Amino acid sequence: MGYLHAGHLSLVTRARRCVGARGRVVVSIYVNPTQFGPHEDLARYPRDLERDLKRCRQAGTDVVFVPTDQEMYPAVTAPGEGFSTWITEEGLTRVREGASRPTHFRGVTTVVGKLFNLVQPDVAVFGAKDCQQAAVIQRMVRDLNFPIKIVVAPTWREPDGLAMSSRNAYLSAAERAQAPVLWQAMQQAKAAVRRAGGSLPGRELRRRLVAFIQQQPAARVDYLDFFDPATLAPVDVVGPGTHLALAVFMGKTRLIDNTRL
């Protein structure tokens, strides 16, 4: 959605590796209104297209596709006209981001499906920070027979462990200082699994991690879940290979992250 950082540009680099010097790398930049809820940050989401275009050029992008809302979602001009067709995934989107943001994934799958049809890529690269989104896109591509290979590239982090995100720009200095608590909580979970030498009760570990995070004055946990990475189904017993995902409000800014334990 723009306001590109080093994590986004790493996806460009990965795409170039996938297609080679003779391939074409396309970056779409579009703040998609349909994946924002009624009281979310669509109006103030950070935007700087001139800066983004410069970074894309420096990263070796061949094409930057910047559609308008009118092009992506034609306005209703007469009865029966306008935009009324959606792509919905009904298995993986019931939990975590889908539960916290009920209309979010309908907007994601619809806009990604439209971008795939418009650009016709052979390969599409997504970041692992949005792990549920990546899983949903992979399922959509499989179920709807898109002839596209989905590549999920690693999360890029700041030196203190905070996952890079355009929304980090919202954080005040005090909130930014507290934000690495997400990374620290994930490291605590990994350490707990190592100490257990196997499996341990998820409910107790979750309670400890939530309490640790919320020691930070600005932090409020939206969710912290352990789940099977293949199915995204919640698990009660945590062990090696279990995935952890969390969403935390830092002040008014909602941050997400995830890791494999």
C-alpha atoms as a PDB file:
ATOM      1  CA  MET A   1       0.000   0.000   0.000  1.00  0.00           C
ATOM      2  CA  GLY A   2       2.954   2.318  -0.413  1.00  0.00           C
ATOM      3  CA  TYR A   3       5.103   4.354   1.985  1.00  0.00           C
ATOM      4  CA  LEU A   4       7.786   1.840   1.129  1.00  0.00           C
ATOM      5  CA  HIS A   5      10.448   0.726   3.589  1.00  0.00           C
ATOM      6  CA  ALA A   6      13.380  -1.694   3.338  1.00  0.00           C
ATOM      7  CA  GLY A   7      11.102  -4.665   3.931  1.00  0.00           C
ATOM      8  CA  HIS A   8       9.015  -3.793   0.884  1.00  0.00           C
ATOM      9  CA  LEU A   9      12.123  -3.277  -1.220  1.00  0.00           C
ATOM     10  CA  SER A  10      13.401  -6.703  -0.178  1.00  0.00           C
ATOM     11  CA  LEU A  11      10.329  -8.112  -1.954  1.00  0.00           C
ATOM     12  CA  VAL A  12      11.429  -6.326  -5.119  1.00  0.00           C
ATOM     13  CA  THR A  13      14.874  -7.908  -4.771  1.00  0.00           C
ATOM     14  CA  ARG A  14      13.289 -11.333  -4.241  1.00  0.00           C
ATOM     15  CA  ALA A  15      11.066 -10.848  -7.283  1.00  0.00           C
ATOM     16  CA  ARG A  16      14.106  -9.984  -9.388  1.00  0.00           C
ATOM     17  CA  ARG A  17      15.801 -13.189  -8.269  1.00  0.00           C
ATOM     18  CA  CYS A  18      12.679 -15.110  -9.269  1.00  0.00           C
ATOM     19  CA  VAL A  19      12.375 -13.696 -12.788  1.00  0.00           C
ATOM     20  CA  GLY A  20      16.023 -12.977 -13.630  1.00  0.00           C
ATOM     21  CA  ALA A  21      17.576 -10.046 -15.446  1.00  0.00           C
ATOM     22  CA  ARG A  22      15.330 -10.475 -18.496  1.00  0.00           C
ATOM     23  CA  GLY A  23      12.110 -10.689 -16.505  1.00  0.00           C
ATOM     24  CA  ARG A  24       9.878  -7.779 -15.581  1.00  0.00           C
ATOM     25  CA  VAL A  25       9.271  -6.746 -11.973  1.00  0.00           C
ATOM     26  CA  VAL A  26       6.017  -4.874 -11.305  1.00  0.00           C
ATOM     27  CA  VAL A  27       5.189  -3.106  -8.042  1.00  0.00           C
ATOM     28  CA  SER A  28       1.581  -2.152  -7.372  1.00  0.00           C
ATOM     29  CA  ILE A  29       1.008   0.784  -5.037  1.00  0.00           C
ATOM     30  CA  TYR A  30      -2.580   1.196  -3.955  1.00  0.00           C
ATOM     31  CA  VAL A  31      -4.114   2.070  -0.588  1.00  0.00           C
ATOM     32  CA  ASN A  32      -7.043  -0.286  -0.923  1.00  0.00           C
ATOM     33  CA  PRO A  33     -10.121   1.185   0.804  1.00  0.00           C
ATOM     34  CA  THR A  34     -12.054  -2.091   0.958  1.00  0.00           C
ATOM     35  CA  GLN A  35      -9.646  -3.711   3.423  1.00  0.00           C
ATOM     36  CA  PHE A  36     -10.094  -0.927   5.998  1.00  0.00           C
ATOM     37  CA  GLY A  37     -12.880  -1.080   8.561  1.00  0.00           C
ATOM     38  CA  PRO A  38     -15.247   1.852   9.227  1.00  0.00           C
ATOM     39  CA  HIS A  39     -13.154   3.316  12.061  1.00  0.00           C
ATOM     40  CA  GLU A  40      -9.679   2.406  10.800  1.00  0.00           C
ATOM     41  CA  ASP A  41      -6.927   4.610   9.419  1.00  0.00           C
ATOM     42  CA  LEU A  42      -7.718   4.861   5.691  1.00  0.00           C
ATOM     43  CA  ALA A  43      -7.737   8.665   5.625  1.00  0.00           C
ATOM     44  CA  ARG A  44      -4.446   9.054   7.478  1.00  0.00           C
ATOM     45  CA  TYR A  45      -2.572   6.025   6.136  1.00  0.00           C
ATOM     46  CA  PRO A  46       0.912   7.332   5.221  1.00  0.00           C
ATOM     47  CA  ARG A  47       1.364   8.181   1.556  1.00  0.00           C
ATOM     48  CA  ASP A  48       4.361   9.550  -0.365  1.00  0.00           C
ATOM     49  CA  LEU A  49       4.165   8.446  -3.984  1.00  0.00           C
ATOM     50  CA  GLU A  50       7.120  10.522  -5.207  1.00  0.00           C
ATOM     51  CA  ARG A  51       9.357   8.945  -2.552  1.00  0.00           C
ATOM     52  CA  ASP A  52       7.995   5.476  -3.365  1.00  0.00           C
ATOM     53  CA  LEU A  53       8.659   5.876  -7.092  1.00  0.00           C
ATOM     54  CA  LYS A  54      12.246   6.935  -6.406  1.00  0.00           C
ATOM     55  CA  ARG A  55      12.793   3.905  -4.186  1.00  0.00           C
ATOM     56  CA  CYS A  56      11.277   1.589  -6.780  1.00  0.00           C
ATOM     57  CA  ARG A  57      13.622   2.963  -9.446  1.00  0.00           C
ATOM     58  CA  GLN A  58      16.611   2.487  -7.149  1.00  0.00           C
ATOM     59  CA  ALA A  59      15.540  -1.086  -6.390  1.00  0.00           C
ATOM     60  CA  GLY A  60      15.347  -1.982 -10.089  1.00  0.00           C
ATOM     61  CA  THR A  61      11.575  -2.074 -10.565  1.00  0.00           C
ATOM     62  CA  ASP A  62      10.498  -2.112 -14.222  1.00  0.00           C
ATOM     63  CA  VAL A  63       6.883  -1.004 -13.796  1.00  0.00           C
ATOM     64  CA  VAL A  64       4.993   0.717 -10.984  1.00  0.00           C
ATOM     65  CA  PHE A  65       1.234   0.292 -11.251  1.00  0.00           C
ATOM     66  CA  VAL A  66      -0.682   3.018  -9.383  1.00  0.00           C
ATOM     67  CA  PRO A  67      -4.421   2.625 -10.033  1.00  0.00           C
ATOM     68  CA  THR A  68      -7.086   4.995  -8.746  1.00  0.00           C
ATOM     69  CA  ASP A  69     -10.148   4.112  -6.668  1.00  0.00           C
ATOM     70  CA  GLN A  70     -12.337   4.864  -9.694  1.00  0.00           C
ATOM     71  CA  GLU A  71     -10.370   2.368 -11.792  1.00  0.00           C
ATOM     72  CA  MET A  72     -10.439  -0.369  -9.142  1.00  0.00           C
ATOM     73  CA  TYR A  73     -13.956   0.169  -7.799  1.00  0.00           C
ATOM     74  CA  PRO A  74     -16.163   2.039 -10.311  1.00  0.00           C
ATOM     75  CA  ALA A  75     -18.622   4.335  -8.555  1.00  0.00           C
ATOM     76  CA  VAL A  76     -22.330   3.637  -8.829  1.00  0.00           C
ATOM     77  CA  THR A  77     -23.685   5.909 -11.560  1.00  0.00           C
ATOM     78  CA  ALA A  78     -27.059   4.244 -12.194  1.00  0.00           C
ATOM     79  CA  PRO A  79     -29.143   1.424 -10.688  1.00  0.00           C
ATOM     80  CA  GLY A  80     -27.455  -1.910 -11.322  1.00  0.00           C
ATOM     81  CA  GLU A  81     -24.086  -0.357 -12.099  1.00  0.00           C
ATOM     82  CA  GLY A  82     -21.019   0.045  -9.939  1.00  0.00           C
ATOM     83  CA  PHE A  83     -18.977  -2.534  -8.017  1.00  0.00           C
ATOM     84  CA  SER A  84     -20.755  -5.495  -6.413  1.00  0.00           C
ATOM     85  CA  THR A  85     -18.542  -8.574  -6.913  1.00  0.00           C
ATOM     86  CA  TRP A  86     -16.260  -9.881  -4.165  1.00  0.00           C
ATOM     87  CA  ILE A  87     -13.820 -12.725  -3.586  1.00  0.00           C
ATOM     88  CA  THR A  88     -14.203 -14.298  -0.150  1.00  0.00           C
ATOM     89  CA  GLU A  89     -12.145 -17.051   1.465  1.00  0.00           C
ATOM     90  CA  GLU A  90     -14.238 -18.820   4.102  1.00  0.00           C
ATOM     91  CA  GLY A  91     -11.842 -21.201   5.844  1.00  0.00           C
ATOM     92  CA  LEU A  92      -8.663 -19.393   6.913  1.00  0.00           C
ATOM     93  CA  THR A  93     -10.202 -15.974   7.564  1.00  0.00           C
ATOM     94  CA  ARG A  94     -12.397 -16.828  10.562  1.00  0.00           C
ATOM     95  CA  VAL A  95      -9.666 -16.286  13.161  1.00  0.00           C
ATOM     96  CA  ARG A  96      -7.133 -13.649  14.255  1.00  0.00           C
ATOM     97  CA  GLU A  97      -7.138 -10.789  11.705  1.00  0.00           C
ATOM     98  CA  GLY A  98     -10.421 -12.026  10.268  1.00  0.00           C
ATOM     99  CA  ALA A  99     -12.078 -12.052  13.696  1.00  0.00           C
ATOM    100  CA  SER A 100     -10.657  -8.676  14.752  1.00  0.00           C
ATOM    101  CA  ARG A 101     -11.343  -7.004  11.380  1.00  0.00           C
ATOM    102  CA  PRO A 102     -14.427  -8.741   9.925  1.00  0.00           C
ATOM    103  CA  THR A 103     -14.394  -7.184   6.426  1.00  0.00           C
ATOM    104  CA  HIS A 104     -10.621  -6.983   6.057  1.00  0.00           C
ATOM    105  CA  PHE A 105      -9.879 -10.165   4.146  1.00  0.00           C
ATOM    106  CA  ARG A 106     -12.751  -9.736   1.699  1.00  0.00           C
ATOM    107  CA  GLY A 107     -11.067  -6.505   0.653  1.00  0.00           C
ATOM    108  CA  VAL A 108      -7.631  -8.143   0.495  1.00  0.00           C
ATOM    109  CA  THR A 109      -8.638 -11.130  -1.626  1.00  0.00           C
ATOM    110  CA  THR A 110     -10.743  -9.003  -3.948  1.00  0.00           C
ATOM    111  CA  VAL A 111      -8.072  -6.414  -4.620  1.00  0.00           C
ATOM    112  CA  VAL A 112      -5.309  -9.014  -4.991  1.00  0.00           C
ATOM    113  CA  GLY A 113      -7.482 -11.003  -7.391  1.00  0.00           C
ATOM    114  CA  LYS A 114      -8.079  -7.853  -9.427  1.00  0.00           C
ATOM    115  CA  LEU A 115      -4.374  -6.975  -9.434  1.00  0.00           C
ATOM    116  CA  PHE A 116      -3.512 -10.496 -10.562  1.00  0.00           C
ATOM    117  CA  ASN A 117      -5.979 -10.210 -13.446  1.00  0.00           C
ATOM    118  CA  LEU A 118      -4.694  -6.771 -14.439  1.00  0.00           C
ATOM    119  CA  VAL A 119      -0.952  -7.506 -14.240  1.00  0.00           C
ATOM    120  CA  GLN A 120      -0.992 -11.230 -15.171  1.00  0.00           C
ATOM    121  CA  PRO A 121       2.139 -12.127 -13.187  1.00  0.00           C
ATOM    122  CA  ASP A 122       3.890 -15.494 -13.234  1.00  0.00           C
ATOM    123  CA  VAL A 123       5.172 -14.994  -9.679  1.00  0.00           C
ATOM    124  CA  ALA A 124       3.896 -12.797  -6.833  1.00  0.00           C
ATOM    125  CA  VAL A 125       5.941 -12.029  -3.718  1.00  0.00           C
ATOM    126  CA  PHE A 126       4.382 -11.325  -0.316  1.00  0.00           C
ATOM    127  CA  GLY A 127       5.941 -10.639   3.077  1.00  0.00           C
ATOM    128  CA  ALA A 128       5.835 -13.090   5.981  1.00  0.00           C
ATOM    129  CA  LYS A 129       4.896 -10.378   8.507  1.00  0.00           C
ATOM    130  CA  ASP A 130       1.291 -10.711   7.333  1.00  0.00           C
ATOM    131  CA  CYS A 131       1.373 -14.495   7.694  1.00  0.00           C
ATOM    132  CA  GLN A 132      -2.389 -14.985   7.633  1.00  0.00           C
ATOM    133  CA  GLN A 133      -2.701 -12.803   4.544  1.00  0.00           C
ATOM    134  CA  ALA A 134      -0.023 -14.856   2.784  1.00  0.00           C
ATOM    135  CA  ALA A 135      -1.833 -18.094   3.672  1.00  0.00           C
ATOM    136  CA  VAL A 136      -5.158 -16.708   2.457  1.00  0.00           C
ATOM    137  CA  ILE A 137      -3.632 -15.594  -0.860  1.00  0.00           C
ATOM    138  CA  GLN A 138      -2.012 -18.997  -1.331  1.00  0.00           C
ATOM    139  CA  ARG A 139      -5.371 -20.671  -0.714  1.00  0.00           C
ATOM    140  CA  MET A 140      -7.168 -18.299  -3.109  1.00  0.00           C
ATOM    141  CA  VAL A 141      -4.627 -18.972  -5.855  1.00  0.00           C
ATOM    142  CA  ARG A 142      -4.986 -22.723  -5.341  1.00  0.00           C
ATOM    143  CA  ASP A 143      -8.779 -22.772  -5.124  1.00  0.00           C
ATOM    144  CA  LEU A 144      -9.427 -20.413  -8.039  1.00  0.00           C
ATOM    145  CA  ASN A 145      -6.705 -21.841 -10.318  1.00  0.00           C
ATOM    146  CA  PHE A 146      -4.672 -18.676 -10.723  1.00  0.00           C
ATOM    147  CA  PRO A 147      -1.578 -19.708 -12.751  1.00  0.00           C
ATOM    148  CA  ILE A 148       0.718 -17.874 -10.329  1.00  0.00           C
ATOM    149  CA  LYS A 149       3.501 -19.002  -8.006  1.00  0.00           C
ATOM    150  CA  ILE A 150       3.256 -17.328  -4.582  1.00  0.00           C
ATOM    151  CA  VAL A 151       6.561 -16.631  -2.826  1.00  0.00           C
ATOM    152  CA  VAL A 152       6.572 -15.625   0.860  1.00  0.00           C
ATOM    153  CA  ALA A 153       9.686 -13.652   1.798  1.00  0.00           C
ATOM    154  CA  PRO A 154      11.061 -13.174   5.342  1.00  0.00           C
ATOM    155  CA  THR A 155      10.057 -10.322   7.636  1.00  0.00           C
ATOM    156  CA  TRP A 156      12.557  -7.462   7.812  1.00  0.00           C
ATOM    157  CA  ARG A 157      13.200  -5.951  11.224  1.00  0.00           C
ATOM    158  CA  GLU A 158      14.672  -2.882  12.830  1.00  0.00           C
ATOM    159  CA  PRO A 159      17.866  -3.434  14.886  1.00  0.00           C
ATOM    160  CA  ASP A 160      15.769  -3.760  18.076  1.00  0.00           C
ATOM    161  CA  GLY A 161      13.556  -6.463  16.549  1.00  0.00           C
ATOM    162  CA  LEU A 162      10.475  -4.429  15.646  1.00  0.00           C
ATOM    163  CA  ALA A 163       8.998  -5.642  12.360  1.00  0.00           C
ATOM    164  CA  MET A 164       9.210  -2.978   9.651  1.00  0.00           C
ATOM    165  CA  SER A 165       5.800  -1.508   8.855  1.00  0.00           C
ATOM    166  CA  SER A 166       4.479   1.646   7.234  1.00  0.00           C
ATOM    167  CA  ARG A 167       2.312   2.140  10.339  1.00  0.00           C
ATOM    168  CA  ASN A 168       5.413   2.454  12.539  1.00  0.00           C
ATOM    169  CA  ALA A 169       5.421   6.077  11.378  1.00  0.00           C
ATOM    170  CA  TYR A 170       2.386   6.658  13.623  1.00  0.00           C
ATOM    171  CA  LEU A 171       4.282   5.801  16.811  1.00  0.00           C
ATOM    172  CA  SER A 172       5.315   8.559  19.184  1.00  0.00           C
ATOM    173  CA  ALA A 173       8.854   8.441  20.568  1.00  0.00           C
ATOM    174  CA  ALA A 174       7.602   6.817  23.786  1.00  0.00           C
ATOM    175  CA  GLU A 175       5.490   4.268  21.896  1.00  0.00           C
ATOM    176  CA  ARG A 176       8.359   3.450  19.551  1.00  0.00           C
ATOM    177  CA  ALA A 177      10.572   2.740  22.547  1.00  0.00           C
ATOM    178  CA  GLN A 178       7.972   0.271  23.871  1.00  0.00           C
ATOM    179  CA  ALA A 179       7.141  -1.387  20.519  1.00  0.00           C
ATOM    180  CA  PRO A 180       9.970  -3.988  20.575  1.00  0.00           C
ATOM    181  CA  VAL A 181       7.994  -5.761  23.308  1.00  0.00           C
ATOM    182  CA  LEU A 182       6.294  -7.772  20.515  1.00  0.00           C
ATOM    183  CA  TRP A 183       9.669  -9.161  19.434  1.00  0.00           C
ATOM    184  CA  GLN A 184      10.699  -9.720  23.040  1.00  0.00           C
ATOM    185  CA  ALA A 185       7.504 -11.660  23.759  1.00  0.00           C
ATOM    186  CA  MET A 186       8.118 -13.914  20.771  1.00  0.00           C
ATOM    187  CA  GLN A 187      11.654 -14.591  21.979  1.00  0.00           C
ATOM    188  CA  GLN A 188      10.276 -15.456  25.408  1.00  0.00           C
ATOM    189  CA  ALA A 189       7.887 -17.939  23.807  1.00  0.00           C
ATOM    190  CA  LYS A 190      10.716 -19.601  21.907  1.00  0.00           C
ATOM    191  CA  ALA A 191      12.791 -19.816  25.083  1.00  0.00           C
ATOM    192  CA  ALA A 192       9.862 -21.363  26.967  1.00  0.00           C
ATOM    193  CA  VAL A 193       9.479 -24.067  24.312  1.00  0.00           C
ATOM    194  CA  ARG A 194      13.210 -24.824  24.459  1.00  0.00           C
ATOM    195  CA  ARG A 195      13.158 -25.063  28.248  1.00  0.00           C
ATOM    196  CA  ALA A 196      10.138 -27.362  28.152  1.00  0.00           C
ATOM    197  CA  GLY A 197      12.005 -29.710  25.840  1.00  0.00           C
ATOM    198  CA  GLY A 198       8.774 -30.422  24.029  1.00  0.00           C
ATOM    199  CA  SER A 199       5.219 -29.244  24.540  1.00  0.00           C
ATOM    200  CA  LEU A 200       3.589 -27.019  27.149  1.00  0.00           C
ATOM    201  CA  PRO A 201       0.062 -25.677  27.813  1.00  0.00           C
ATOM    202  CA  GLY A 202      -0.765 -22.802  25.485  1.00  0.00           C
ATOM    203  CA  ARG A 203      -3.216 -21.102  27.847  1.00  0.00           C
ATOM    204  CA  GLU A 204      -0.625 -20.558  30.569  1.00  0.00           C
ATOM    205  CA  LEU A 205       2.055 -19.411  28.139  1.00  0.00           C
ATOM    206  CA  ARG A 206      -0.397 -16.992  26.562  1.00  0.00           C
ATOM    207  CA  ARG A 207      -1.306 -15.549  29.978  1.00  0.00           C
ATOM    208  CA  ARG A 208       2.376 -14.955  30.790  1.00  0.00           C
ATOM    209  CA  LEU A 209       3.121 -13.335  27.436  1.00  0.00           C
ATOM    210  CA  VAL A 210       0.076 -11.042  27.552  1.00  0.00           C
ATOM    211  CA  ALA A 211       1.053  -9.926  31.066  1.00  0.00           C
ATOM    212  CA  PHE A 212       4.623  -9.284  29.902  1.00  0.00           C
ATOM    213  CA  ILE A 213       3.497  -7.188  26.920  1.00  0.00           C
ATOM    214  CA  GLN A 214       0.980  -5.172  28.905  1.00  0.00           C
ATOM    215  CA  GLN A 215       3.602  -4.118  31.408  1.00  0.00           C
ATOM    216  CA  GLN A 216       4.373  -1.483  28.780  1.00  0.00           C
ATOM    217  CA  PRO A 217       2.099   1.512  29.513  1.00  0.00           C
ATOM    218  CA  ALA A 218       1.008   2.034  25.909  1.00  0.00           C
ATOM    219  CA  ALA A 219       0.450  -1.649  25.052  1.00  0.00           C
ATOM    220  CA  ARG A 220      -2.879  -3.458  24.801  1.00  0.00           C
ATOM    221  CA  VAL A 221      -3.045  -6.972  23.336  1.00  0.00           C
ATOM    222  CA  ASP A 222      -5.738  -7.489  20.687  1.00  0.00           C
ATOM    223  CA  TYR A 223      -4.900 -11.170  20.247  1.00  0.00           C
ATOM    224  CA  LEU A 224      -2.037 -13.561  20.919  1.00  0.00           C
ATOM    225  CA  ASP A 225      -2.632 -16.997  19.420  1.00  0.00           C
ATOM    226  CA  PHE A 226      -0.804 -20.264  18.945  1.00  0.00           C
ATOM    227  CA  PHE A 227      -1.777 -22.216  15.849  1.00  0.00           C
ATOM    228  CA  ASP A 228      -0.891 -24.898  13.325  1.00  0.00           C
ATOM    229  CA  PRO A 229       0.930 -23.165  10.415  1.00  0.00           C
ATOM    230  CA  ALA A 230      -0.558 -25.566   7.850  1.00  0.00           C
ATOM    231  CA  THR A 231      -4.217 -25.072   8.789  1.00  0.00           C
ATOM    232  CA  LEU A 232      -4.108 -21.858  10.899  1.00  0.00           C
ATOM    233  CA  ALA A 233      -6.242 -23.759  13.433  1.00  0.00           C
ATOM    234  CA  PRO A 234      -5.641 -22.803  17.093  1.00  0.00           C
ATOM    235  CA  VAL A 235      -3.748 -25.302  19.246  1.00  0.00           C
ATOM    236  CA  ASP A 236      -3.962 -25.894  22.986  1.00  0.00           C
ATOM    237  CA  VAL A 237      -0.527 -27.494  23.322  1.00  0.00           C
ATOM    238  CA  VAL A 238       2.504 -25.493  22.184  1.00  0.00           C
ATOM    239  CA  GLY A 239       5.710 -27.090  20.953  1.00  0.00           C
ATOM    240  CA  PRO A 240       8.407 -26.907  18.261  1.00  0.00           C
ATOM    241  CA  GLY A 241       6.799 -25.980  14.942  1.00  0.00           C
ATOM    242  CA  THR A 242       3.806 -24.214  16.508  1.00  0.00           C
ATOM    243  CA  HIS A 243       3.258 -20.722  15.105  1.00  0.00           C
ATOM    244  CA  LEU A 244       2.640 -17.645  17.245  1.00  0.00           C
ATOM    245  CA  ALA A 245       0.852 -14.558  15.913  1.00  0.00           C
ATOM    246  CA  LEU A 246      -0.028 -11.422  17.826  1.00  0.00           C
ATOM    247  CA  ALA A 247      -1.639  -8.047  17.339  1.00  0.00           C
ATOM    248  CA  VAL A 248      -0.949  -5.304  19.858  1.00  0.00           C
ATOM    249  CA  PHE A 249      -2.244  -1.758  20.085  1.00  0.00           C
ATOM    250  CA  MET A 250       0.631   0.544  20.954  1.00  0.00           C
ATOM    251  CA  GLY A 251      -1.337   3.637  21.842  1.00  0.00           C
ATOM    252  CA  LYS A 252      -3.701   3.943  18.876  1.00  0.00           C
ATOM    253  CA  THR A 253      -1.387   2.115  16.463  1.00  0.00           C
ATOM    254  CA  ARG A 254      -2.085  -1.557  15.829  1.00  0.00           C
ATOM    255  CA  LEU A 255       1.050  -3.646  15.245  1.00  0.00           C
ATOM    256  CA  ILE A 256       1.174  -7.283  14.109  1.00  0.00           C
ATOM    257  CA  ASP A 257       3.929  -9.869  14.109  1.00  0.00           C
ATOM    258  CA  ASN A 258       4.431 -13.635  14.066  1.00  0.00           C
ATOM    259  CA  THR A 259       7.060 -16.325  14.379  1.00  0.00           C
ATOM    260  CA  ARG A 260       7.513 -20.068  14.309  1.00  0.00           C
ATOM    261  CA  LEU A 261       8.455 -21.526  17.685  1.00  0.00           C
END
